[in-house]
Amino acid sequence: MRRHGFVFIDRIIHFATNFIHSIWRSSSAALLLLLLAYWFYGDFTIFLLLCLAILGTLYQYQDSLLYYPDQPSSSRMFVQQPYTIGLPSENLYLRTADGVRINAVFIKQPPVRLPFAPTIMFIHGNAGNIGHRLPFARELYHHCGVNVMLLEYRGYGKSDGVPSENGLKLDARAGLEYLRDRTDIDASMIIVFGRSLGGAVGIDLACQQLYTDAIRGLIVENSFTSIPAMGEVLFSALRLLPMFCFRNKFNSKSIVKSVRVPTLFLSGLSDELVPPRMMTELCNKSGAIFKRIVRFENGSHNGTWLCPDYYKCISFFIAQELNSKALVAP
């Protein structure tokens, strides 16, 4: 509880400092003029315009509260490559439907296994780049015997563009389409794996009817029900705001019922950011015929993959559930 309190206070300070800086940087002139006008004249119309200007700035600033492509500070300048830790790979640049160039790496099994191994497309959380996920990808590669594609969001790492909710969803679709069109892998065994924010992106992808036949299974780890729900967890007063006040919604809770592919939910019960109850809620509301939630007592938000038996759960999911075509809902 003590640690959670410090995290909460730190988030409040971080929010206030950056919000004030954003107001000054992006709309300081207009806001200053309105503030001075109200100070001298006290007109209600000017006061109303001032309030609207502040609310508009807050709405635009929400992206800065959700997306952290610059953390750590070198994340946009340096992306570690798989070959540095002994993983054979291809460095890729894909073009999304709206014309943005995004980066990805494809870590491939040896030639004798490449055509038969399942392929996991991993979609990471809201900070860092795909290079920071290489230790995890290495464990997946060796323990589960899969090909691994690490997809980079727009505005992150070596990808172009600026992150947004719709943009991240388009990035995931571009990654899946690329894998679907590869002729050297088993395109019928593509598994989408999303962690944290990536879980929301993965759920959206699995709900798209256009891609139902391209996804063999879905894995969601330590994700949330929606951004407004997470906002309420961090700042309880936000529960009073209507949905349209949120620039980013990622409303997984309302769409997960449309998921039809076998789904594995991996939940760290020591998650210090996303309440584990949200993972339970997503599992309960999922429309998949086969769905399973595995809980890890000591799993933190970013460290559940280090828990004992973690890779055994994924391997079992791949080997048993995904081999039955009957488990895909009509």
C-alpha atoms as a PDB file:
ATOM      1  CA  MET A   1       0.000   0.000   0.000  1.00  0.00           C
ATOM      2  CA  ARG A   2       2.881   2.364   0.806  1.00  0.00           C
ATOM      3  CA  ARG A   3       4.495   1.763  -2.564  1.00  0.00           C
ATOM      4  CA  HIS A   4       1.184   2.181  -4.356  1.00  0.00           C
ATOM      5  CA  GLY A   5       0.732   5.532  -2.595  1.00  0.00           C
ATOM      6  CA  PHE A   6       4.115   6.763  -3.781  1.00  0.00           C
ATOM      7  CA  VAL A   7       3.331   5.625  -7.331  1.00  0.00           C
ATOM      8  CA  PHE A   8       0.039   7.510  -7.221  1.00  0.00           C
ATOM      9  CA  ILE A   9       1.678  10.708  -5.902  1.00  0.00           C
ATOM     10  CA  ASP A  10       4.418  10.448  -8.501  1.00  0.00           C
ATOM     11  CA  ARG A  11       1.812  10.165 -11.260  1.00  0.00           C
ATOM     12  CA  ILE A  12      -0.045  13.228  -9.958  1.00  0.00           C
ATOM     13  CA  ILE A  13       3.178  15.284  -9.900  1.00  0.00           C
ATOM     14  CA  HIS A  14       4.199  14.004 -13.331  1.00  0.00           C
ATOM     15  CA  PHE A  15       0.765  14.799 -14.751  1.00  0.00           C
ATOM     16  CA  ALA A  16       0.604  18.304 -13.279  1.00  0.00           C
ATOM     17  CA  THR A  17       4.142  19.259 -14.299  1.00  0.00           C
ATOM     18  CA  ASN A  18       3.824  18.031 -17.852  1.00  0.00           C
ATOM     19  CA  PHE A  19       0.320  19.419 -18.302  1.00  0.00           C
ATOM     20  CA  ILE A  20       1.412  22.914 -17.262  1.00  0.00           C
ATOM     21  CA  HIS A  21       4.427  22.652 -19.546  1.00  0.00           C
ATOM     22  CA  SER A  22       2.226  21.470 -22.412  1.00  0.00           C
ATOM     23  CA  ILE A  23      -0.195  24.366 -21.966  1.00  0.00           C
ATOM     24  CA  TRP A  24       2.658  26.848 -21.988  1.00  0.00           C
ATOM     25  CA  ARG A  25       4.369  25.242 -24.991  1.00  0.00           C
ATOM     26  CA  SER A  26       1.422  24.535 -27.276  1.00  0.00           C
ATOM     27  CA  SER A  27      -1.075  27.274 -26.559  1.00  0.00           C
ATOM     28  CA  SER A  28       0.587  29.715 -24.171  1.00  0.00           C
ATOM     29  CA  ALA A  29      -0.110  32.812 -26.243  1.00  0.00           C
ATOM     30  CA  ALA A  30      -3.844  32.178 -26.661  1.00  0.00           C
ATOM     31  CA  LEU A  31      -4.363  31.091 -23.061  1.00  0.00           C
ATOM     32  CA  LEU A  32      -2.343  34.019 -21.730  1.00  0.00           C
ATOM     33  CA  LEU A  33      -4.390  36.513 -23.735  1.00  0.00           C
ATOM     34  CA  LEU A  34      -7.632  34.957 -22.500  1.00  0.00           C
ATOM     35  CA  LEU A  35      -6.381  34.919 -18.912  1.00  0.00           C
ATOM     36  CA  LEU A  36      -5.321  38.578 -19.073  1.00  0.00           C
ATOM     37  CA  ALA A  37      -8.619  39.555 -20.687  1.00  0.00           C
ATOM     38  CA  TYR A  38     -10.557  37.834 -17.929  1.00  0.00           C
ATOM     39  CA  TRP A  39      -8.293  39.383 -15.267  1.00  0.00           C
ATOM     40  CA  PHE A  40      -8.949  42.906 -16.532  1.00  0.00           C
ATOM     41  CA  TYR A  41     -12.536  42.649 -17.719  1.00  0.00           C
ATOM     42  CA  GLY A  42     -14.049  39.689 -15.831  1.00  0.00           C
ATOM     43  CA  ASP A  43     -16.368  38.837 -18.708  1.00  0.00           C
ATOM     44  CA  PHE A  44     -18.196  35.491 -18.452  1.00  0.00           C
ATOM     45  CA  THR A  45     -17.727  34.804 -22.167  1.00  0.00           C
ATOM     46  CA  ILE A  46     -13.977  35.197 -21.808  1.00  0.00           C
ATOM     47  CA  PHE A  47     -14.040  32.916 -18.768  1.00  0.00           C
ATOM     48  CA  LEU A  48     -15.963  30.310 -20.757  1.00  0.00           C
ATOM     49  CA  LEU A  49     -13.487  30.553 -23.641  1.00  0.00           C
ATOM     50  CA  LEU A  50     -10.628  30.172 -21.178  1.00  0.00           C
ATOM     51  CA  CYS A  51     -12.182  27.010 -19.725  1.00  0.00           C
ATOM     52  CA  LEU A  52     -12.763  25.581 -23.195  1.00  0.00           C
ATOM     53  CA  ALA A  53      -9.178  26.349 -24.186  1.00  0.00           C
ATOM     54  CA  ILE A  54      -7.836  24.538 -21.129  1.00  0.00           C
ATOM     55  CA  LEU A  55     -10.123  21.552 -21.715  1.00  0.00           C
ATOM     56  CA  GLY A  56      -9.090  21.427 -25.373  1.00  0.00           C
ATOM     57  CA  THR A  57      -5.427  21.432 -24.420  1.00  0.00           C
ATOM     58  CA  LEU A  58      -6.062  18.671 -21.886  1.00  0.00           C
ATOM     59  CA  TYR A  59      -7.842  16.600 -24.552  1.00  0.00           C
ATOM     60  CA  GLN A  60      -4.922  16.975 -26.963  1.00  0.00           C
ATOM     61  CA  TYR A  61      -2.390  16.269 -24.212  1.00  0.00           C
ATOM     62  CA  GLN A  62      -3.862  12.850 -23.382  1.00  0.00           C
ATOM     63  CA  ASP A  63      -1.577  11.160 -25.916  1.00  0.00           C
ATOM     64  CA  SER A  64       1.427  12.297 -23.869  1.00  0.00           C
ATOM     65  CA  LEU A  65      -0.028  10.572 -20.819  1.00  0.00           C
ATOM     66  CA  LEU A  66      -0.496   7.247 -22.603  1.00  0.00           C
ATOM     67  CA  TYR A  67       2.351   6.881 -25.094  1.00  0.00           C
ATOM     68  CA  TYR A  68       5.978   6.914 -23.914  1.00  0.00           C
ATOM     69  CA  PRO A  69       8.169   6.256 -26.979  1.00  0.00           C
ATOM     70  CA  ASP A  70      11.039   8.225 -25.398  1.00  0.00           C
ATOM     71  CA  GLN A  71      11.312   6.149 -22.219  1.00  0.00           C
ATOM     72  CA  PRO A  72      14.083   5.191 -21.695  1.00  0.00           C
ATOM     73  CA  SER A  73      15.571   8.363 -23.161  1.00  0.00           C
ATOM     74  CA  SER A  74      17.511   6.596 -25.935  1.00  0.00           C
ATOM     75  CA  SER A  75      14.526   4.579 -27.191  1.00  0.00           C
ATOM     76  CA  ARG A  76      14.110   6.567 -30.396  1.00  0.00           C
ATOM     77  CA  MET A  77      17.809   6.567 -31.214  1.00  0.00           C
ATOM     78  CA  PHE A  78      18.928   3.012 -30.529  1.00  0.00           C
ATOM     79  CA  VAL A  79      17.081  -0.264 -31.089  1.00  0.00           C
ATOM     80  CA  GLN A  80      18.999  -3.420 -30.201  1.00  0.00           C
ATOM     81  CA  GLN A  81      18.966  -6.035 -32.949  1.00  0.00           C
ATOM     82  CA  PRO A  82      18.297  -9.770 -32.395  1.00  0.00           C
ATOM     83  CA  TYR A  83      21.658 -10.870 -33.827  1.00  0.00           C
ATOM     84  CA  THR A  84      23.384  -9.244 -30.828  1.00  0.00           C
ATOM     85  CA  ILE A  85      21.952 -11.983 -28.603  1.00  0.00           C
ATOM     86  CA  GLY A  86      22.362 -14.787 -31.126  1.00  0.00           C
ATOM     87  CA  LEU A  87      18.910 -14.792 -32.717  1.00  0.00           C
ATOM     88  CA  PRO A  88      18.624 -15.206 -36.518  1.00  0.00           C
ATOM     89  CA  SER A  89      16.311 -12.522 -37.829  1.00  0.00           C
ATOM     90  CA  GLU A  90      15.182 -10.168 -40.554  1.00  0.00           C
ATOM     91  CA  ASN A  91      14.835  -6.423 -40.047  1.00  0.00           C
ATOM     92  CA  LEU A  92      11.619  -5.279 -41.727  1.00  0.00           C
ATOM     93  CA  TYR A  93       9.899  -2.068 -42.734  1.00  0.00           C
ATOM     94  CA  LEU A  94       6.175  -2.324 -43.415  1.00  0.00           C
ATOM     95  CA  ARG A  95       3.732   0.166 -44.886  1.00  0.00           C
ATOM     96  CA  THR A  96       0.406   0.619 -43.095  1.00  0.00           C
ATOM     97  CA  ALA A  97      -2.949   1.283 -44.745  1.00  0.00           C
ATOM     98  CA  ASP A  98      -2.573   5.018 -44.083  1.00  0.00           C
ATOM     99  CA  GLY A  99       0.931   5.112 -45.548  1.00  0.00           C
ATOM    100  CA  VAL A 100       3.081   5.133 -42.395  1.00  0.00           C
ATOM    101  CA  ARG A 101       6.357   3.195 -42.464  1.00  0.00           C
ATOM    102  CA  ILE A 102       6.801   1.024 -39.374  1.00  0.00           C
ATOM    103  CA  ASN A 103       9.636  -1.206 -38.225  1.00  0.00           C
ATOM    104  CA  ALA A 104       9.504  -4.867 -37.174  1.00  0.00           C
ATOM    105  CA  VAL A 105      11.885  -7.768 -36.718  1.00  0.00           C
ATOM    106  CA  PHE A 106      11.142 -11.360 -37.643  1.00  0.00           C
ATOM    107  CA  ILE A 107      13.047 -13.893 -35.531  1.00  0.00           C
ATOM    108  CA  LYS A 108      12.969 -17.183 -37.356  1.00  0.00           C
ATOM    109  CA  GLN A 109      13.516 -20.784 -36.395  1.00  0.00           C
ATOM    110  CA  PRO A 110      16.186 -22.807 -38.259  1.00  0.00           C
ATOM    111  CA  PRO A 111      15.274 -23.612 -41.905  1.00  0.00           C
ATOM    112  CA  VAL A 112      14.175 -27.156 -41.059  1.00  0.00           C
ATOM    113  CA  ARG A 113      11.622 -25.816 -38.526  1.00  0.00           C
ATOM    114  CA  LEU A 114      10.721 -22.471 -40.066  1.00  0.00           C
ATOM    115  CA  PRO A 115       7.867 -23.725 -42.326  1.00  0.00           C
ATOM    116  CA  PHE A 116       6.203 -25.746 -39.553  1.00  0.00           C
ATOM    117  CA  ALA A 117       6.696 -23.645 -36.419  1.00  0.00           C
ATOM    118  CA  PRO A 118       3.862 -21.457 -35.114  1.00  0.00           C
ATOM    119  CA  THR A 119       4.510 -17.731 -35.416  1.00  0.00           C
ATOM    120  CA  ILE A 120       3.818 -15.277 -32.604  1.00  0.00           C
ATOM    121  CA  MET A 121       3.285 -11.614 -33.441  1.00  0.00           C
ATOM    122  CA  PHE A 122       4.130  -9.761 -30.243  1.00  0.00           C
ATOM    123  CA  ILE A 123       2.664  -6.305 -29.566  1.00  0.00           C
ATOM    124  CA  HIS A 124       4.350  -4.526 -26.674  1.00  0.00           C
ATOM    125  CA  GLY A 125       3.268  -1.999 -24.052  1.00  0.00           C
ATOM    126  CA  ASN A 126       3.250   1.785 -24.092  1.00  0.00           C
ATOM    127  CA  ALA A 127       6.948   2.509 -23.496  1.00  0.00           C
ATOM    128  CA  GLY A 128      10.324   1.648 -25.001  1.00  0.00           C
ATOM    129  CA  ASN A 129      10.911  -0.181 -28.264  1.00  0.00           C
ATOM    130  CA  ILE A 130      11.077  -3.703 -29.656  1.00  0.00           C
ATOM    131  CA  GLY A 131      14.753  -3.997 -28.722  1.00  0.00           C
ATOM    132  CA  HIS A 132      13.802  -3.885 -25.054  1.00  0.00           C
ATOM    133  CA  ARG A 133      11.684  -7.015 -25.618  1.00  0.00           C
ATOM    134  CA  LEU A 134      14.501  -9.147 -27.021  1.00  0.00           C
ATOM    135  CA  PRO A 135      15.199 -11.063 -23.764  1.00  0.00           C
ATOM    136  CA  PHE A 136      11.534 -12.064 -23.691  1.00  0.00           C
ATOM    137  CA  ALA A 137      11.549 -12.948 -27.404  1.00  0.00           C
ATOM    138  CA  ARG A 138      14.613 -15.140 -26.870  1.00  0.00           C
ATOM    139  CA  GLU A 139      12.792 -17.125 -24.182  1.00  0.00           C
ATOM    140  CA  LEU A 140       9.726 -17.540 -26.398  1.00  0.00           C
ATOM    141  CA  TYR A 141      11.925 -18.633 -29.281  1.00  0.00           C
ATOM    142  CA  HIS A 142      13.790 -21.296 -27.296  1.00  0.00           C
ATOM    143  CA  HIS A 143      11.149 -22.527 -24.827  1.00  0.00           C
ATOM    144  CA  CYS A 144       8.153 -22.557 -27.173  1.00  0.00           C
ATOM    145  CA  GLY A 145       9.867 -23.286 -30.500  1.00  0.00           C
ATOM    146  CA  VAL A 146       8.102 -20.455 -32.329  1.00  0.00           C
ATOM    147  CA  ASN A 147       8.976 -17.806 -34.849  1.00  0.00           C
ATOM    148  CA  VAL A 148       8.608 -14.378 -33.259  1.00  0.00           C
ATOM    149  CA  MET A 149       7.695 -11.122 -34.924  1.00  0.00           C
ATOM    150  CA  LEU A 150       8.248  -8.030 -32.781  1.00  0.00           C
ATOM    151  CA  LEU A 151       6.079  -5.233 -34.129  1.00  0.00           C
ATOM    152  CA  GLU A 152       6.995  -1.599 -33.528  1.00  0.00           C
ATOM    153  CA  TYR A 153       4.292   1.024 -33.149  1.00  0.00           C
ATOM    154  CA  ARG A 154       4.333   4.189 -35.220  1.00  0.00           C
ATOM    155  CA  GLY A 155       6.273   6.889 -33.414  1.00  0.00           C
ATOM    156  CA  TYR A 156       8.300   4.284 -31.497  1.00  0.00           C
ATOM    157  CA  GLY A 157      11.833   3.030 -32.140  1.00  0.00           C
ATOM    158  CA  LYS A 158      12.673   3.202 -35.837  1.00  0.00           C
ATOM    159  CA  SER A 159       9.068   3.596 -36.988  1.00  0.00           C
ATOM    160  CA  ASP A 160       7.812   6.806 -38.557  1.00  0.00           C
ATOM    161  CA  GLY A 161       4.665   8.664 -37.582  1.00  0.00           C
ATOM    162  CA  VAL A 162       2.949   9.670 -34.359  1.00  0.00           C
ATOM    163  CA  PRO A 163       1.151   7.200 -32.038  1.00  0.00           C
ATOM    164  CA  SER A 164      -2.636   7.259 -31.786  1.00  0.00           C
ATOM    165  CA  GLU A 165      -5.333   4.708 -31.002  1.00  0.00           C
ATOM    166  CA  ASN A 166      -6.396   4.224 -34.599  1.00  0.00           C
ATOM    167  CA  GLY A 167      -2.794   4.325 -35.766  1.00  0.00           C
ATOM    168  CA  LEU A 168      -1.687   1.512 -33.451  1.00  0.00           C
ATOM    169  CA  LYS A 169      -4.571  -0.618 -34.652  1.00  0.00           C
ATOM    170  CA  LEU A 170      -3.519  -0.025 -38.268  1.00  0.00           C
ATOM    171  CA  ASP A 171       0.052  -0.979 -37.359  1.00  0.00           C
ATOM    172  CA  ALA A 172      -1.108  -4.330 -35.985  1.00  0.00           C
ATOM    173  CA  ARG A 173      -3.148  -5.007 -39.103  1.00  0.00           C
ATOM    174  CA  ALA A 174      -0.139  -4.284 -41.305  1.00  0.00           C
ATOM    175  CA  GLY A 175       1.946  -6.731 -39.274  1.00  0.00           C
ATOM    176  CA  LEU A 176      -0.652  -9.479 -39.513  1.00  0.00           C
ATOM    177  CA  GLU A 177      -1.114  -8.957 -43.248  1.00  0.00           C
ATOM    178  CA  TYR A 178       2.627  -9.258 -43.744  1.00  0.00           C
ATOM    179  CA  LEU A 179       2.774 -12.567 -41.879  1.00  0.00           C
ATOM    180  CA  ARG A 180      -0.314 -13.866 -43.648  1.00  0.00           C
ATOM    181  CA  ASP A 181       1.345 -13.263 -47.012  1.00  0.00           C
ATOM    182  CA  ARG A 182       4.673 -14.922 -46.182  1.00  0.00           C
ATOM    183  CA  THR A 183       5.145 -18.199 -48.041  1.00  0.00           C
ATOM    184  CA  ASP A 184       7.948 -19.627 -45.893  1.00  0.00           C
ATOM    185  CA  ILE A 185       5.895 -20.012 -42.684  1.00  0.00           C
ATOM    186  CA  ASP A 186       2.688 -21.802 -41.703  1.00  0.00           C
ATOM    187  CA  ALA A 187       0.228 -18.935 -42.154  1.00  0.00           C
ATOM    188  CA  SER A 188      -2.500 -20.999 -40.477  1.00  0.00           C
ATOM    189  CA  MET A 189      -0.626 -20.894 -37.159  1.00  0.00           C
ATOM    190  CA  ILE A 190      -0.255 -17.177 -36.447  1.00  0.00           C
ATOM    191  CA  ILE A 191      -0.797 -16.220 -32.812  1.00  0.00           C
ATOM    192  CA  VAL A 192      -1.300 -12.607 -31.754  1.00  0.00           C
ATOM    193  CA  PHE A 193       0.253 -11.822 -28.365  1.00  0.00           C
ATOM    194  CA  GLY A 194      -0.387  -8.452 -26.714  1.00  0.00           C
ATOM    195  CA  ARG A 195       0.974  -7.219 -23.395  1.00  0.00           C
ATOM    196  CA  SER A 196      -0.537  -4.282 -21.484  1.00  0.00           C
ATOM    197  CA  LEU A 197      -1.482  -1.679 -24.125  1.00  0.00           C
ATOM    198  CA  GLY A 198      -0.587  -4.296 -26.729  1.00  0.00           C
ATOM    199  CA  GLY A 199      -3.303  -6.522 -25.291  1.00  0.00           C
ATOM    200  CA  ALA A 200      -5.924  -3.926 -26.196  1.00  0.00           C
ATOM    201  CA  VAL A 201      -4.468  -3.651 -29.708  1.00  0.00           C
ATOM    202  CA  GLY A 202      -4.456  -7.447 -30.022  1.00  0.00           C
ATOM    203  CA  ILE A 203      -8.065  -7.772 -28.871  1.00  0.00           C
ATOM    204  CA  ASP A 204      -9.142  -5.216 -31.447  1.00  0.00           C
ATOM    205  CA  LEU A 205      -7.268  -7.108 -34.166  1.00  0.00           C
ATOM    206  CA  ALA A 206      -8.856 -10.427 -33.197  1.00  0.00           C
ATOM    207  CA  CYS A 207     -12.314  -8.821 -33.343  1.00  0.00           C
ATOM    208  CA  GLN A 208     -11.949  -7.758 -36.967  1.00  0.00           C
ATOM    209  CA  GLN A 209     -13.935 -10.108 -39.176  1.00  0.00           C
ATOM    210  CA  LEU A 210     -11.505  -9.478 -42.030  1.00  0.00           C
ATOM    211  CA  TYR A 211      -8.722 -11.153 -40.034  1.00  0.00           C
ATOM    212  CA  THR A 212     -10.608 -13.938 -38.251  1.00  0.00           C
ATOM    213  CA  ASP A 213      -9.215 -16.631 -40.541  1.00  0.00           C
ATOM    214  CA  ALA A 214      -5.677 -15.254 -40.265  1.00  0.00           C
ATOM    215  CA  ILE A 215      -5.419 -15.536 -36.471  1.00  0.00           C
ATOM    216  CA  ARG A 216      -5.110 -18.998 -34.928  1.00  0.00           C
ATOM    217  CA  GLY A 217      -5.006 -17.824 -31.335  1.00  0.00           C
ATOM    218  CA  LEU A 218      -4.778 -14.805 -29.051  1.00  0.00           C
ATOM    219  CA  ILE A 219      -2.685 -14.281 -25.917  1.00  0.00           C
ATOM    220  CA  VAL A 220      -3.388 -11.282 -23.678  1.00  0.00           C
ATOM    221  CA  GLU A 221      -1.138 -10.393 -20.751  1.00  0.00           C
ATOM    222  CA  ASN A 222      -1.792  -7.823 -18.002  1.00  0.00           C
ATOM    223  CA  SER A 223      -4.097  -5.666 -20.095  1.00  0.00           C
ATOM    224  CA  PHE A 224      -6.936  -3.375 -19.071  1.00  0.00           C
ATOM    225  CA  THR A 225     -10.657  -3.169 -19.779  1.00  0.00           C
ATOM    226  CA  SER A 226     -10.486   0.379 -21.178  1.00  0.00           C
ATOM    227  CA  ILE A 227      -8.514   3.604 -20.891  1.00  0.00           C
ATOM    228  CA  PRO A 228     -11.370   5.400 -19.061  1.00  0.00           C
ATOM    229  CA  ALA A 229     -11.438   2.537 -16.533  1.00  0.00           C
ATOM    230  CA  MET A 230      -7.680   2.845 -16.051  1.00  0.00           C
ATOM    231  CA  GLY A 231      -8.045   6.595 -15.689  1.00  0.00           C
ATOM    232  CA  GLU A 232     -10.523   6.005 -12.889  1.00  0.00           C
ATOM    233  CA  VAL A 233      -8.038   3.685 -11.154  1.00  0.00           C
ATOM    234  CA  LEU A 234      -5.314   6.345 -11.249  1.00  0.00           C
ATOM    235  CA  PHE A 235      -7.515   9.407 -10.663  1.00  0.00           C
ATOM    236  CA  SER A 236     -10.904   8.562  -9.163  1.00  0.00           C
ATOM    237  CA  ALA A 237     -12.429  11.913 -10.180  1.00  0.00           C
ATOM    238  CA  LEU A 238     -12.184  10.871 -13.838  1.00  0.00           C
ATOM    239  CA  ARG A 239     -15.149   8.538 -13.361  1.00  0.00           C
ATOM    240  CA  LEU A 240     -17.343  11.629 -13.669  1.00  0.00           C
ATOM    241  CA  LEU A 241     -16.197  12.296 -17.237  1.00  0.00           C
ATOM    242  CA  PRO A 242     -18.286  10.953 -20.145  1.00  0.00           C
ATOM    243  CA  MET A 243     -16.609   8.658 -22.674  1.00  0.00           C
ATOM    244  CA  PHE A 244     -16.292  11.348 -25.355  1.00  0.00           C
ATOM    245  CA  CYS A 245     -13.867  13.281 -23.134  1.00  0.00           C
ATOM    246  CA  PHE A 246     -11.261  10.559 -23.628  1.00  0.00           C
ATOM    247  CA  ARG A 247      -9.135  10.924 -26.754  1.00  0.00           C
ATOM    248  CA  ASN A 248      -7.942   7.311 -26.443  1.00  0.00           C
ATOM    249  CA  LYS A 249     -10.490   4.710 -25.376  1.00  0.00           C
ATOM    250  CA  PHE A 250      -9.153   1.220 -26.225  1.00  0.00           C
ATOM    251  CA  ASN A 251     -12.476  -0.121 -24.965  1.00  0.00           C
ATOM    252  CA  SER A 252     -11.586  -3.826 -24.865  1.00  0.00           C
ATOM    253  CA  LYS A 253     -14.400  -4.573 -22.439  1.00  0.00           C
ATOM    254  CA  SER A 254     -17.043  -3.677 -25.012  1.00  0.00           C
ATOM    255  CA  ILE A 255     -15.517  -5.572 -27.957  1.00  0.00           C
ATOM    256  CA  VAL A 256     -13.900  -8.667 -26.424  1.00  0.00           C
ATOM    257  CA  LYS A 257     -17.225 -10.482 -26.758  1.00  0.00           C
ATOM    258  CA  SER A 258     -16.539 -10.523 -30.507  1.00  0.00           C
ATOM    259  CA  VAL A 259     -13.330 -12.544 -30.120  1.00  0.00           C
ATOM    260  CA  ARG A 260     -13.828 -16.009 -31.600  1.00  0.00           C
ATOM    261  CA  VAL A 261     -10.335 -17.526 -31.586  1.00  0.00           C
ATOM    262  CA  PRO A 262      -8.887 -19.552 -28.683  1.00  0.00           C
ATOM    263  CA  THR A 263      -7.580 -17.093 -26.105  1.00  0.00           C
ATOM    264  CA  LEU A 264      -5.091 -17.377 -23.265  1.00  0.00           C
ATOM    265  CA  PHE A 265      -5.155 -14.678 -20.581  1.00  0.00           C
ATOM    266  CA  LEU A 266      -1.954 -14.338 -18.527  1.00  0.00           C
ATOM    267  CA  SER A 267      -2.504 -12.346 -15.341  1.00  0.00           C
ATOM    268  CA  GLY A 268       0.114 -11.212 -12.830  1.00  0.00           C
ATOM    269  CA  LEU A 269      -1.550 -10.965  -9.433  1.00  0.00           C
ATOM    270  CA  SER A 270       1.167  -8.576  -8.231  1.00  0.00           C
ATOM    271  CA  ASP A 271       0.513  -6.164 -11.093  1.00  0.00           C
ATOM    272  CA  GLU A 272       1.152  -2.728  -9.606  1.00  0.00           C
ATOM    273  CA  LEU A 273      -0.419  -0.806 -12.498  1.00  0.00           C
ATOM    274  CA  VAL A 274      -3.408  -2.678 -13.968  1.00  0.00           C
ATOM    275  CA  PRO A 275      -5.765  -4.251 -11.389  1.00  0.00           C
ATOM    276  CA  PRO A 276      -5.805  -8.045 -11.991  1.00  0.00           C
ATOM    277  CA  ARG A 277      -9.616  -7.973 -11.785  1.00  0.00           C
ATOM    278  CA  MET A 278      -9.584  -6.360 -15.222  1.00  0.00           C
ATOM    279  CA  MET A 279      -7.994  -9.462 -16.740  1.00  0.00           C
ATOM    280  CA  THR A 280     -10.646 -11.612 -15.071  1.00  0.00           C
ATOM    281  CA  GLU A 281     -13.342  -9.360 -16.490  1.00  0.00           C
ATOM    282  CA  LEU A 282     -11.885  -9.577 -20.000  1.00  0.00           C
ATOM    283  CA  CYS A 283     -11.756 -13.366 -19.788  1.00  0.00           C
ATOM    284  CA  ASN A 284     -15.334 -13.591 -18.527  1.00  0.00           C
ATOM    285  CA  LYS A 285     -16.627 -11.375 -21.321  1.00  0.00           C
ATOM    286  CA  SER A 286     -14.601 -12.983 -24.118  1.00  0.00           C
ATOM    287  CA  GLY A 287     -16.665 -14.609 -26.857  1.00  0.00           C
ATOM    288  CA  ALA A 288     -14.111 -17.364 -27.483  1.00  0.00           C
ATOM    289  CA  ILE A 289     -15.293 -20.972 -27.168  1.00  0.00           C
ATOM    290  CA  PHE A 290     -11.973 -21.846 -25.611  1.00  0.00           C
ATOM    291  CA  LYS A 291     -10.632 -19.313 -23.146  1.00  0.00           C
ATOM    292  CA  ARG A 292      -8.379 -19.826 -20.197  1.00  0.00           C
ATOM    293  CA  ILE A 293      -6.880 -17.502 -17.607  1.00  0.00           C
ATOM    294  CA  VAL A 294      -3.643 -18.390 -15.841  1.00  0.00           C
ATOM    295  CA  ARG A 295      -2.672 -16.368 -12.782  1.00  0.00           C
ATOM    296  CA  PHE A 296       0.847 -15.869 -11.488  1.00  0.00           C
ATOM    297  CA  GLU A 297       1.020 -14.981  -7.810  1.00  0.00           C
ATOM    298  CA  ASN A 298       4.265 -12.995  -8.064  1.00  0.00           C
ATOM    299  CA  GLY A 299       3.723 -11.622 -11.549  1.00  0.00           C
ATOM    300  CA  SER A 300       4.267  -7.864 -11.777  1.00  0.00           C
ATOM    301  CA  HIS A 301       3.010  -5.705 -14.629  1.00  0.00           C
ATOM    302  CA  ASN A 302       6.199  -5.973 -16.665  1.00  0.00           C
ATOM    303  CA  GLY A 303       7.717  -9.036 -15.014  1.00  0.00           C
ATOM    304  CA  THR A 304       5.113 -11.802 -15.278  1.00  0.00           C
ATOM    305  CA  TRP A 305       7.169 -13.409 -18.059  1.00  0.00           C
ATOM    306  CA  LEU A 306       9.856 -14.163 -15.458  1.00  0.00           C
ATOM    307  CA  CYS A 307       7.531 -16.331 -13.329  1.00  0.00           C
ATOM    308  CA  PRO A 308       7.942 -20.127 -13.055  1.00  0.00           C
ATOM    309  CA  ASP A 309       5.907 -22.212 -15.541  1.00  0.00           C
ATOM    310  CA  TYR A 310       5.102 -19.152 -17.652  1.00  0.00           C
ATOM    311  CA  TYR A 311       6.405 -20.689 -20.881  1.00  0.00           C
ATOM    312  CA  LYS A 312       4.885 -24.064 -20.055  1.00  0.00           C
ATOM    313  CA  CYS A 313       1.455 -22.408 -20.107  1.00  0.00           C
ATOM    314  CA  ILE A 314       2.118 -20.874 -23.514  1.00  0.00           C
ATOM    315  CA  SER A 315       3.542 -24.112 -24.917  1.00  0.00           C
ATOM    316  CA  PHE A 316       0.527 -26.065 -23.674  1.00  0.00           C
ATOM    317  CA  PHE A 317      -1.835 -23.514 -25.215  1.00  0.00           C
ATOM    318  CA  ILE A 318      -0.074 -23.851 -28.562  1.00  0.00           C
ATOM    319  CA  ALA A 319       0.330 -27.630 -28.517  1.00  0.00           C
ATOM    320  CA  GLN A 320      -3.106 -28.625 -27.227  1.00  0.00           C
ATOM    321  CA  GLU A 321      -5.808 -26.026 -27.729  1.00  0.00           C
ATOM    322  CA  LEU A 322      -4.623 -24.535 -31.010  1.00  0.00           C
ATOM    323  CA  ASN A 323      -4.401 -27.921 -32.709  1.00  0.00           C
ATOM    324  CA  SER A 324      -8.186 -28.328 -32.559  1.00  0.00           C
ATOM    325  CA  LYS A 325      -9.937 -26.423 -35.347  1.00  0.00           C
ATOM    326  CA  ALA A 326     -13.253 -27.023 -33.589  1.00  0.00           C
ATOM    327  CA  LEU A 327     -12.276 -24.497 -30.929  1.00  0.00           C
ATOM    328  CA  VAL A 328     -12.739 -21.548 -33.270  1.00  0.00           C
ATOM    329  CA  ALA A 329     -16.235 -20.131 -32.791  1.00  0.00           C
ATOM    330  CA  PRO A 330     -18.368 -19.578 -35.906  1.00  0.00           C
END
